[in-house]
């Protein structure tokens, strides 16, 4: 009789421990990726092959792929939080010049830009200049008032109000004929940047050709957009239509999935894989599972 009681107690204790472990996993997964900006997430297994993550309504407005144009404005929760004045952070200014002491930009974008122009420098292209970066609503409103709709967008509708866009110049010539402009056209996508307003996309973007305006969207999206000759508007529409695509960049396979956020609050992610999340600023969430 005593032996039976002993084994019964052991079974109860083991069951309690299992419940506690399951509860701990549940608590870890209750943290929404929307609470962590501009970083990678590693999915912790809650099942054999996949795990569930939560997404919030605000996630639509955050991330590297949000669409900002005449129809969709920057959401208060969408602006980058790591914006700094580059003149006051000269440790970030490496290999390029600043037009003046007011240039501000997201630190993460500056780091990606520095990596990019470092590669250009190795090819003898080294006269880069940042002419403009982040602008607040007041500055954009004044620019729109001074320059008009042919040159500027209303406050909130410019990518410069987001912190992911910058106007790149050359100290040698205008960008449409400078070696720096030519190099960027050929290579920027490899570093996560796109020429936001190309010549052949004005009817789609609603903006005239701007050979100086580049936008950070991250890998592999920039490469896919270049390969398919997509503007950001076209690329997001393509992802929404396809639902899921798989692409190989530099020998690595990325899985990209689009989810209408209005129809779900959770997303299934492959277990133990690193991933990025971005909203589209409309009604979608894009999940990029990294190699």
C-alpha atoms as a PDB file:
ATOM      1  CA  UNK A   1       0.000   0.000   0.000  1.00  0.00           C
ATOM      2  CA  UNK A   2       2.799   2.408   0.897  1.00  0.00           C
ATOM      3  CA  UNK A   3       4.550   1.673  -2.408  1.00  0.00           C
ATOM      4  CA  UNK A   4       1.369   2.598  -4.326  1.00  0.00           C
ATOM      5  CA  UNK A   5       1.093   5.914  -2.459  1.00  0.00           C
ATOM      6  CA  UNK A   6       4.768   6.656  -3.149  1.00  0.00           C
ATOM      7  CA  UNK A   7       4.396   6.232  -6.930  1.00  0.00           C
ATOM      8  CA  UNK A   8       1.137   8.231  -6.939  1.00  0.00           C
ATOM      9  CA  UNK A   9       2.920  11.185  -5.339  1.00  0.00           C
ATOM     10  CA  UNK A  10       5.740  10.964  -7.916  1.00  0.00           C
ATOM     11  CA  UNK A  11       3.277  11.036 -10.831  1.00  0.00           C
ATOM     12  CA  UNK A  12       1.470  14.071  -9.378  1.00  0.00           C
ATOM     13  CA  UNK A  13       4.732  15.974  -8.945  1.00  0.00           C
ATOM     14  CA  UNK A  14       5.860  15.240 -12.496  1.00  0.00           C
ATOM     15  CA  UNK A  15       2.533  16.410 -13.865  1.00  0.00           C
ATOM     16  CA  UNK A  16       2.784  19.662 -11.901  1.00  0.00           C
ATOM     17  CA  UNK A  17       6.268  20.334 -13.249  1.00  0.00           C
ATOM     18  CA  UNK A  18       5.078  19.783 -16.833  1.00  0.00           C
ATOM     19  CA  UNK A  19       2.235  22.278 -16.311  1.00  0.00           C
ATOM     20  CA  UNK A  20       4.673  24.855 -14.955  1.00  0.00           C
ATOM     21  CA  UNK A  21       6.985  24.468 -17.962  1.00  0.00           C
ATOM     22  CA  UNK A  22       4.059  24.823 -20.387  1.00  0.00           C
ATOM     23  CA  UNK A  23       2.951  27.957 -18.549  1.00  0.00           C
ATOM     24  CA  UNK A  24       6.449  29.460 -18.786  1.00  0.00           C
ATOM     25  CA  UNK A  25       6.482  28.964 -22.562  1.00  0.00           C
ATOM     26  CA  UNK A  26       3.078  30.596 -22.815  1.00  0.00           C
ATOM     27  CA  UNK A  27       4.327  33.633 -20.915  1.00  0.00           C
ATOM     28  CA  UNK A  28       7.348  34.023 -23.185  1.00  0.00           C
ATOM     29  CA  UNK A  29       5.146  33.944 -26.264  1.00  0.00           C
ATOM     30  CA  UNK A  30       2.743  36.528 -24.818  1.00  0.00           C
ATOM     31  CA  UNK A  31       5.299  39.239 -25.640  1.00  0.00           C
ATOM     32  CA  UNK A  32       4.175  40.896 -28.844  1.00  0.00           C
ATOM     33  CA  UNK A  33       6.830  41.573 -31.496  1.00  0.00           C
ATOM     34  CA  UNK A  34       5.118  44.932 -31.945  1.00  0.00           C
ATOM     35  CA  UNK A  35       6.664  45.958 -28.621  1.00  0.00           C
ATOM     36  CA  UNK A  36      10.187  45.567 -30.023  1.00  0.00           C
ATOM     37  CA  UNK A  37      11.171  47.870 -32.878  1.00  0.00           C
ATOM     38  CA  UNK A  38      13.687  47.262 -35.671  1.00  0.00           C
ATOM     39  CA  UNK A  39      15.097  43.992 -34.470  1.00  0.00           C
ATOM     40  CA  UNK A  40      15.082  40.309 -35.256  1.00  0.00           C
ATOM     41  CA  UNK A  41      13.042  37.830 -33.275  1.00  0.00           C
ATOM     42  CA  UNK A  42      13.781  34.185 -32.647  1.00  0.00           C
ATOM     43  CA  UNK A  43      10.667  32.041 -32.471  1.00  0.00           C
ATOM     44  CA  UNK A  44      10.747  29.759 -29.427  1.00  0.00           C
ATOM     45  CA  UNK A  45       9.128  26.412 -30.097  1.00  0.00           C
ATOM     46  CA  UNK A  46       5.634  25.919 -28.693  1.00  0.00           C
ATOM     47  CA  UNK A  47       4.899  23.004 -30.970  1.00  0.00           C
ATOM     48  CA  UNK A  48       6.789  20.508 -33.056  1.00  0.00           C
ATOM     49  CA  UNK A  49       7.213  22.629 -36.181  1.00  0.00           C
ATOM     50  CA  UNK A  50       5.770  26.066 -35.449  1.00  0.00           C
ATOM     51  CA  UNK A  51       5.041  28.599 -32.786  1.00  0.00           C
ATOM     52  CA  UNK A  52       2.368  31.252 -32.409  1.00  0.00           C
ATOM     53  CA  UNK A  53       3.161  34.944 -32.050  1.00  0.00           C
ATOM     54  CA  UNK A  54       0.775  37.761 -31.315  1.00  0.00           C
ATOM     55  CA  UNK A  55       0.422  40.845 -33.493  1.00  0.00           C
ATOM     56  CA  UNK A  56      -1.298  44.062 -32.560  1.00  0.00           C
ATOM     57  CA  UNK A  57      -3.155  46.657 -34.570  1.00  0.00           C
ATOM     58  CA  UNK A  58      -0.267  49.097 -34.135  1.00  0.00           C
ATOM     59  CA  UNK A  59       2.093  46.667 -35.885  1.00  0.00           C
ATOM     60  CA  UNK A  60       0.463  47.647 -39.194  1.00  0.00           C
ATOM     61  CA  UNK A  61       2.090  51.068 -38.906  1.00  0.00           C
ATOM     62  CA  UNK A  62       5.589  49.994 -37.899  1.00  0.00           C
ATOM     63  CA  UNK A  63       8.591  48.553 -39.718  1.00  0.00           C
ATOM     64  CA  UNK A  64      10.842  48.951 -42.734  1.00  0.00           C
ATOM     65  CA  UNK A  65       8.114  48.270 -45.325  1.00  0.00           C
ATOM     66  CA  UNK A  66       5.452  50.784 -44.307  1.00  0.00           C
ATOM     67  CA  UNK A  67       4.058  52.686 -47.275  1.00  0.00           C
ATOM     68  CA  UNK A  68       4.153  56.465 -47.017  1.00  0.00           C
ATOM     69  CA  UNK A  69       2.733  58.480 -49.917  1.00  0.00           C
ATOM     70  CA  UNK A  70      -0.046  60.860 -50.821  1.00  0.00           C
ATOM     71  CA  UNK A  71      -2.684  58.386 -49.610  1.00  0.00           C
ATOM     72  CA  UNK A  72      -1.029  56.952 -46.517  1.00  0.00           C
ATOM     73  CA  UNK A  73       0.556  59.122 -43.862  1.00  0.00           C
ATOM     74  CA  UNK A  74       3.059  58.344 -41.113  1.00  0.00           C
ATOM     75  CA  UNK A  75       1.288  56.972 -38.049  1.00  0.00           C
ATOM     76  CA  UNK A  76       2.470  58.353 -34.680  1.00  0.00           C
ATOM     77  CA  UNK A  77       3.587  54.833 -33.767  1.00  0.00           C
ATOM     78  CA  UNK A  78       5.404  54.342 -37.047  1.00  0.00           C
ATOM     79  CA  UNK A  79       8.165  56.931 -36.788  1.00  0.00           C
ATOM     80  CA  UNK A  80      11.617  55.561 -36.015  1.00  0.00           C
ATOM     81  CA  UNK A  81      12.633  55.974 -32.393  1.00  0.00           C
ATOM     82  CA  UNK A  82      16.413  56.033 -32.880  1.00  0.00           C
ATOM     83  CA  UNK A  83      16.664  59.304 -34.801  1.00  0.00           C
ATOM     84  CA  UNK A  84      19.695  61.430 -33.968  1.00  0.00           C
ATOM     85  CA  UNK A  85      21.373  64.599 -35.194  1.00  0.00           C
ATOM     86  CA  UNK A  86      24.399  63.339 -37.126  1.00  0.00           C
ATOM     87  CA  UNK A  87      26.407  66.516 -36.612  1.00  0.00           C
ATOM     88  CA  UNK A  88      26.132  65.931 -32.870  1.00  0.00           C
ATOM     89  CA  UNK A  89      27.084  62.269 -33.285  1.00  0.00           C
ATOM     90  CA  UNK A  90      30.174  62.542 -35.443  1.00  0.00           C
ATOM     91  CA  UNK A  91      31.159  58.997 -34.535  1.00  0.00           C
ATOM     92  CA  UNK A  92      28.388  57.912 -36.909  1.00  0.00           C
ATOM     93  CA  UNK A  93      29.658  60.040 -39.794  1.00  0.00           C
ATOM     94  CA  UNK A  94      32.180  57.820 -41.556  1.00  0.00           C
ATOM     95  CA  UNK A  95      33.144  58.221 -45.190  1.00  0.00           C
ATOM     96  CA  UNK A  96      30.483  60.778 -46.135  1.00  0.00           C
ATOM     97  CA  UNK A  97      29.744  64.450 -45.694  1.00  0.00           C
ATOM     98  CA  UNK A  98      26.749  66.374 -44.346  1.00  0.00           C
ATOM     99  CA  UNK A  99      25.126  69.283 -46.162  1.00  0.00           C
ATOM    100  CA  UNK A 100      24.653  71.115 -42.869  1.00  0.00           C
ATOM    101  CA  UNK A 101      24.473  70.599 -39.112  1.00  0.00           C
ATOM    102  CA  UNK A 102      20.726  69.848 -39.044  1.00  0.00           C
ATOM    103  CA  UNK A 103      20.777  66.422 -40.731  1.00  0.00           C
ATOM    104  CA  UNK A 104      18.945  63.787 -38.673  1.00  0.00           C
ATOM    105  CA  UNK A 105      18.446  60.124 -39.406  1.00  0.00           C
ATOM    106  CA  UNK A 106      17.703  56.760 -37.834  1.00  0.00           C
ATOM    107  CA  UNK A 107      20.913  55.305 -36.371  1.00  0.00           C
ATOM    108  CA  UNK A 108      20.189  51.895 -37.877  1.00  0.00           C
ATOM    109  CA  UNK A 109      19.778  53.452 -41.330  1.00  0.00           C
ATOM    110  CA  UNK A 110      23.036  55.366 -40.894  1.00  0.00           C
ATOM    111  CA  UNK A 111      24.812  52.101 -40.078  1.00  0.00           C
ATOM    112  CA  UNK A 112      23.396  50.416 -43.194  1.00  0.00           C
ATOM    113  CA  UNK A 113      24.330  53.468 -45.280  1.00  0.00           C
ATOM    114  CA  UNK A 114      27.886  53.440 -43.897  1.00  0.00           C
ATOM    115  CA  UNK A 115      28.285  49.764 -44.783  1.00  0.00           C
ATOM    116  CA  UNK A 116      27.052  50.515 -48.284  1.00  0.00           C
ATOM    117  CA  UNK A 117      29.354  53.444 -49.026  1.00  0.00           C
ATOM    118  CA  UNK A 118      32.275  51.558 -47.521  1.00  0.00           C
ATOM    119  CA  UNK A 119      31.751  49.008 -50.293  1.00  0.00           C
ATOM    120  CA  UNK A 120      31.569  51.841 -52.840  1.00  0.00           C
ATOM    121  CA  UNK A 121      34.818  53.287 -51.516  1.00  0.00           C
ATOM    122  CA  UNK A 122      36.609  50.015 -52.309  1.00  0.00           C
ATOM    123  CA  UNK A 123      35.567  50.575 -55.934  1.00  0.00           C
ATOM    124  CA  UNK A 124      36.840  54.151 -55.949  1.00  0.00           C
ATOM    125  CA  UNK A 125      33.451  55.826 -55.499  1.00  0.00           C
ATOM    126  CA  UNK A 126      33.749  57.957 -52.398  1.00  0.00           C
ATOM    127  CA  UNK A 127      32.209  61.436 -52.683  1.00  0.00           C
ATOM    128  CA  UNK A 128      28.895  60.869 -50.912  1.00  0.00           C
ATOM    129  CA  UNK A 129      26.923  63.568 -49.166  1.00  0.00           C
ATOM    130  CA  UNK A 130      23.711  63.384 -47.149  1.00  0.00           C
ATOM    131  CA  UNK A 131      21.587  66.382 -48.096  1.00  0.00           C
ATOM    132  CA  UNK A 132      18.463  65.573 -46.070  1.00  0.00           C
ATOM    133  CA  UNK A 133      17.199  62.959 -43.657  1.00  0.00           C
ATOM    134  CA  UNK A 134      14.421  63.028 -41.101  1.00  0.00           C
ATOM    135  CA  UNK A 135      12.076  66.010 -40.919  1.00  0.00           C
ATOM    136  CA  UNK A 136       9.444  66.589 -38.277  1.00  0.00           C
ATOM    137  CA  UNK A 137       5.888  67.604 -39.130  1.00  0.00           C
ATOM    138  CA  UNK A 138       6.566  71.302 -38.614  1.00  0.00           C
ATOM    139  CA  UNK A 139       9.554  71.296 -40.944  1.00  0.00           C
ATOM    140  CA  UNK A 140       7.653  69.371 -43.607  1.00  0.00           C
ATOM    141  CA  UNK A 141       4.707  71.728 -43.355  1.00  0.00           C
ATOM    142  CA  UNK A 142       6.980  74.743 -43.847  1.00  0.00           C
ATOM    143  CA  UNK A 143       8.726  73.090 -46.797  1.00  0.00           C
ATOM    144  CA  UNK A 144       5.377  72.325 -48.410  1.00  0.00           C
ATOM    145  CA  UNK A 145       4.277  75.912 -47.867  1.00  0.00           C
ATOM    146  CA  UNK A 146       7.502  77.354 -49.311  1.00  0.00           C
ATOM    147  CA  UNK A 147       8.047  74.967 -52.237  1.00  0.00           C
ATOM    148  CA  UNK A 148       4.541  73.864 -53.184  1.00  0.00           C
ATOM    149  CA  UNK A 149       3.107  70.499 -54.191  1.00  0.00           C
ATOM    150  CA  UNK A 150       5.397  70.112 -57.209  1.00  0.00           C
ATOM    151  CA  UNK A 151       8.390  69.784 -54.912  1.00  0.00           C
ATOM    152  CA  UNK A 152       7.143  68.612 -51.513  1.00  0.00           C
ATOM    153  CA  UNK A 153       4.423  66.502 -49.919  1.00  0.00           C
ATOM    154  CA  UNK A 154       2.105  67.646 -47.125  1.00  0.00           C
ATOM    155  CA  UNK A 155       3.248  67.064 -43.559  1.00  0.00           C
ATOM    156  CA  UNK A 156       2.961  63.404 -42.591  1.00  0.00           C
ATOM    157  CA  UNK A 157       2.906  62.154 -46.181  1.00  0.00           C
ATOM    158  CA  UNK A 158       6.633  62.421 -46.825  1.00  0.00           C
ATOM    159  CA  UNK A 159       9.001  59.528 -46.197  1.00  0.00           C
ATOM    160  CA  UNK A 160      11.286  62.071 -44.576  1.00  0.00           C
ATOM    161  CA  UNK A 161       8.763  62.222 -41.727  1.00  0.00           C
ATOM    162  CA  UNK A 162       9.400  58.510 -41.119  1.00  0.00           C
ATOM    163  CA  UNK A 163      13.164  58.378 -40.597  1.00  0.00           C
ATOM    164  CA  UNK A 164      13.945  55.647 -43.155  1.00  0.00           C
ATOM    165  CA  UNK A 165      14.592  57.896 -46.163  1.00  0.00           C
ATOM    166  CA  UNK A 166      17.485  60.130 -47.076  1.00  0.00           C
ATOM    167  CA  UNK A 167      18.496  62.376 -49.937  1.00  0.00           C
ATOM    168  CA  UNK A 168      21.962  61.366 -51.088  1.00  0.00           C
ATOM    169  CA  UNK A 169      24.191  63.700 -53.032  1.00  0.00           C
ATOM    170  CA  UNK A 170      27.667  63.842 -54.498  1.00  0.00           C
ATOM    171  CA  UNK A 171      30.301  66.517 -54.018  1.00  0.00           C
ATOM    172  CA  UNK A 172      31.324  65.980 -57.660  1.00  0.00           C
ATOM    173  CA  UNK A 173      28.135  66.390 -59.691  1.00  0.00           C
ATOM    174  CA  UNK A 174      24.353  66.082 -59.698  1.00  0.00           C
ATOM    175  CA  UNK A 175      23.237  62.571 -58.789  1.00  0.00           C
ATOM    176  CA  UNK A 176      21.763  61.783 -62.204  1.00  0.00           C
ATOM    177  CA  UNK A 177      25.269  61.995 -63.697  1.00  0.00           C
ATOM    178  CA  UNK A 178      27.577  61.504 -60.705  1.00  0.00           C
ATOM    179  CA  UNK A 179      29.536  58.250 -60.190  1.00  0.00           C
ATOM    180  CA  UNK A 180      27.887  58.019 -56.755  1.00  0.00           C
ATOM    181  CA  UNK A 181      24.424  58.044 -58.302  1.00  0.00           C
ATOM    182  CA  UNK A 182      25.353  55.439 -60.886  1.00  0.00           C
ATOM    183  CA  UNK A 183      26.931  53.185 -58.258  1.00  0.00           C
ATOM    184  CA  UNK A 184      23.827  53.359 -56.064  1.00  0.00           C
ATOM    185  CA  UNK A 185      21.523  52.467 -58.945  1.00  0.00           C
ATOM    186  CA  UNK A 186      23.563  49.324 -59.512  1.00  0.00           C
ATOM    187  CA  UNK A 187      24.330  48.312 -55.922  1.00  0.00           C
ATOM    188  CA  UNK A 188      22.048  49.937 -53.327  1.00  0.00           C
ATOM    189  CA  UNK A 189      19.617  46.996 -53.317  1.00  0.00           C
ATOM    190  CA  UNK A 190      22.364  44.690 -52.030  1.00  0.00           C
ATOM    191  CA  UNK A 191      22.423  46.765 -48.843  1.00  0.00           C
ATOM    192  CA  UNK A 192      18.685  47.114 -48.276  1.00  0.00           C
ATOM    193  CA  UNK A 193      18.107  50.442 -50.070  1.00  0.00           C
ATOM    194  CA  UNK A 194      15.867  51.274 -53.013  1.00  0.00           C
ATOM    195  CA  UNK A 195      15.624  54.265 -55.317  1.00  0.00           C
ATOM    196  CA  UNK A 196      12.168  55.277 -54.162  1.00  0.00           C
ATOM    197  CA  UNK A 197      11.071  57.412 -57.119  1.00  0.00           C
ATOM    198  CA  UNK A 198      12.442  56.005 -60.413  1.00  0.00           C
ATOM    199  CA  UNK A 199      11.865  57.547 -63.823  1.00  0.00           C
ATOM    200  CA  UNK A 200       9.485  54.856 -65.028  1.00  0.00           C
ATOM    201  CA  UNK A 201       7.279  54.761 -61.919  1.00  0.00           C
ATOM    202  CA  UNK A 202       6.001  58.324 -61.630  1.00  0.00           C
ATOM    203  CA  UNK A 203       2.452  57.291 -62.567  1.00  0.00           C
ATOM    204  CA  UNK A 204       2.483  54.821 -59.658  1.00  0.00           C
ATOM    205  CA  UNK A 205       4.371  56.730 -56.971  1.00  0.00           C
ATOM    206  CA  UNK A 206       2.840  60.084 -57.869  1.00  0.00           C
ATOM    207  CA  UNK A 207       6.295  61.647 -57.484  1.00  0.00           C
ATOM    208  CA  UNK A 208       8.627  62.956 -60.166  1.00  0.00           C
ATOM    209  CA  UNK A 209      11.967  61.241 -60.751  1.00  0.00           C
ATOM    210  CA  UNK A 210      14.298  61.856 -57.805  1.00  0.00           C
ATOM    211  CA  UNK A 211      17.730  60.273 -58.365  1.00  0.00           C
ATOM    212  CA  UNK A 212      18.788  61.351 -54.888  1.00  0.00           C
ATOM    213  CA  UNK A 213      15.954  59.934 -52.764  1.00  0.00           C
ATOM    214  CA  UNK A 214      16.694  56.488 -51.320  1.00  0.00           C
ATOM    215  CA  UNK A 215      14.646  54.505 -48.853  1.00  0.00           C
ATOM    216  CA  UNK A 216      15.692  51.678 -46.561  1.00  0.00           C
ATOM    217  CA  UNK A 217      13.443  48.600 -46.813  1.00  0.00           C
ATOM    218  CA  UNK A 218      15.949  45.904 -45.830  1.00  0.00           C
ATOM    219  CA  UNK A 219      16.952  42.580 -47.316  1.00  0.00           C
ATOM    220  CA  UNK A 220      15.705  40.595 -49.135  1.00  0.00           C
ATOM    221  CA  UNK A 221      12.957  43.030 -50.121  1.00  0.00           C
ATOM    222  CA  UNK A 222      15.235  45.541 -51.846  1.00  0.00           C
ATOM    223  CA  UNK A 223      16.742  42.816 -54.039  1.00  0.00           C
ATOM    224  CA  UNK A 224      13.342  41.378 -55.004  1.00  0.00           C
ATOM    225  CA  UNK A 225      12.089  44.843 -55.897  1.00  0.00           C
ATOM    226  CA  UNK A 226      15.112  45.479 -58.108  1.00  0.00           C
ATOM    227  CA  UNK A 227      14.856  42.103 -59.831  1.00  0.00           C
ATOM    228  CA  UNK A 228      11.156  42.578 -60.572  1.00  0.00           C
ATOM    229  CA  UNK A 229      11.388  46.317 -61.282  1.00  0.00           C
ATOM    230  CA  UNK A 230       8.832  47.076 -58.580  1.00  0.00           C
ATOM    231  CA  UNK A 231       8.175  50.314 -56.784  1.00  0.00           C
ATOM    232  CA  UNK A 232       7.292  49.927 -53.110  1.00  0.00           C
ATOM    233  CA  UNK A 233       3.603  50.307 -54.008  1.00  0.00           C
ATOM    234  CA  UNK A 234       3.853  47.477 -56.550  1.00  0.00           C
ATOM    235  CA  UNK A 235       5.853  45.229 -54.253  1.00  0.00           C
ATOM    236  CA  UNK A 236       3.369  45.459 -51.392  1.00  0.00           C
ATOM    237  CA  UNK A 237       0.475  44.792 -53.792  1.00  0.00           C
ATOM    238  CA  UNK A 238       2.388  41.774 -55.128  1.00  0.00           C
ATOM    239  CA  UNK A 239       2.949  40.356 -51.635  1.00  0.00           C
ATOM    240  CA  UNK A 240      -0.709  40.827 -50.798  1.00  0.00           C
ATOM    241  CA  UNK A 241      -1.750  39.029 -53.975  1.00  0.00           C
ATOM    242  CA  UNK A 242       0.713  36.153 -53.585  1.00  0.00           C
ATOM    243  CA  UNK A 243       0.347  35.662 -49.844  1.00  0.00           C
ATOM    244  CA  UNK A 244       3.708  33.915 -49.668  1.00  0.00           C
ATOM    245  CA  UNK A 245       6.908  33.946 -51.692  1.00  0.00           C
ATOM    246  CA  UNK A 246      10.274  32.259 -51.324  1.00  0.00           C
ATOM    247  CA  UNK A 247      13.368  33.986 -52.663  1.00  0.00           C
ATOM    248  CA  UNK A 248      17.088  33.298 -52.761  1.00  0.00           C
ATOM    249  CA  UNK A 249      19.491  36.181 -52.142  1.00  0.00           C
ATOM    250  CA  UNK A 250      23.243  35.580 -52.138  1.00  0.00           C
ATOM    251  CA  UNK A 251      22.668  31.865 -51.806  1.00  0.00           C
ATOM    252  CA  UNK A 252      20.313  32.232 -48.831  1.00  0.00           C
ATOM    253  CA  UNK A 253      16.617  31.412 -48.943  1.00  0.00           C
ATOM    254  CA  UNK A 254      14.121  33.827 -47.368  1.00  0.00           C
ATOM    255  CA  UNK A 255      10.439  33.107 -46.786  1.00  0.00           C
ATOM    256  CA  UNK A 256       8.150  36.137 -47.003  1.00  0.00           C
ATOM    257  CA  UNK A 257       4.488  35.980 -45.977  1.00  0.00           C
ATOM    258  CA  UNK A 258       1.721  38.570 -46.035  1.00  0.00           C
ATOM    259  CA  UNK A 259      -1.118  38.486 -43.478  1.00  0.00           C
ATOM    260  CA  UNK A 260      -4.212  40.740 -43.484  1.00  0.00           C
ATOM    261  CA  UNK A 261      -4.074  42.018 -39.929  1.00  0.00           C
ATOM    262  CA  UNK A 262      -7.791  42.715 -39.712  1.00  0.00           C
ATOM    263  CA  UNK A 263      -8.468  38.976 -39.954  1.00  0.00           C
ATOM    264  CA  UNK A 264      -6.074  37.709 -37.294  1.00  0.00           C
ATOM    265  CA  UNK A 265      -4.286  38.549 -34.066  1.00  0.00           C
ATOM    266  CA  UNK A 266      -1.810  35.666 -34.147  1.00  0.00           C
ATOM    267  CA  UNK A 267       0.614  34.302 -36.737  1.00  0.00           C
ATOM    268  CA  UNK A 268       2.309  30.917 -37.052  1.00  0.00           C
ATOM    269  CA  UNK A 269       6.097  31.060 -37.358  1.00  0.00           C
ATOM    270  CA  UNK A 270       8.507  28.155 -37.968  1.00  0.00           C
ATOM    271  CA  UNK A 271      10.053  27.139 -34.666  1.00  0.00           C
ATOM    272  CA  UNK A 272      13.575  28.241 -33.806  1.00  0.00           C
ATOM    273  CA  UNK A 273      13.875  30.556 -36.847  1.00  0.00           C
ATOM    274  CA  UNK A 274      14.830  34.217 -36.833  1.00  0.00           C
ATOM    275  CA  UNK A 275      12.304  36.558 -38.414  1.00  0.00           C
ATOM    276  CA  UNK A 276      11.450  40.197 -39.055  1.00  0.00           C
ATOM    277  CA  UNK A 277       7.995  41.766 -38.860  1.00  0.00           C
ATOM    278  CA  UNK A 278       6.808  44.885 -40.653  1.00  0.00           C
ATOM    279  CA  UNK A 279       3.446  46.426 -41.275  1.00  0.00           C
ATOM    280  CA  UNK A 280       2.520  47.948 -44.630  1.00  0.00           C
ATOM    281  CA  UNK A 281       0.707  50.996 -43.165  1.00  0.00           C
ATOM    282  CA  UNK A 282      -2.499  49.814 -44.806  1.00  0.00           C
ATOM    283  CA  UNK A 283      -3.924  46.586 -43.415  1.00  0.00           C
ATOM    284  CA  UNK A 284      -1.160  44.028 -43.648  1.00  0.00           C
ATOM    285  CA  UNK A 285       1.667  42.399 -41.756  1.00  0.00           C
ATOM    286  CA  UNK A 286       4.722  41.078 -43.611  1.00  0.00           C
ATOM    287  CA  UNK A 287       6.739  38.372 -41.882  1.00  0.00           C
ATOM    288  CA  UNK A 288      10.184  37.607 -43.268  1.00  0.00           C
ATOM    289  CA  UNK A 289      11.738  34.368 -42.044  1.00  0.00           C
ATOM    290  CA  UNK A 290      15.521  34.580 -42.340  1.00  0.00           C
ATOM    291  CA  UNK A 291      17.879  31.778 -43.398  1.00  0.00           C
END
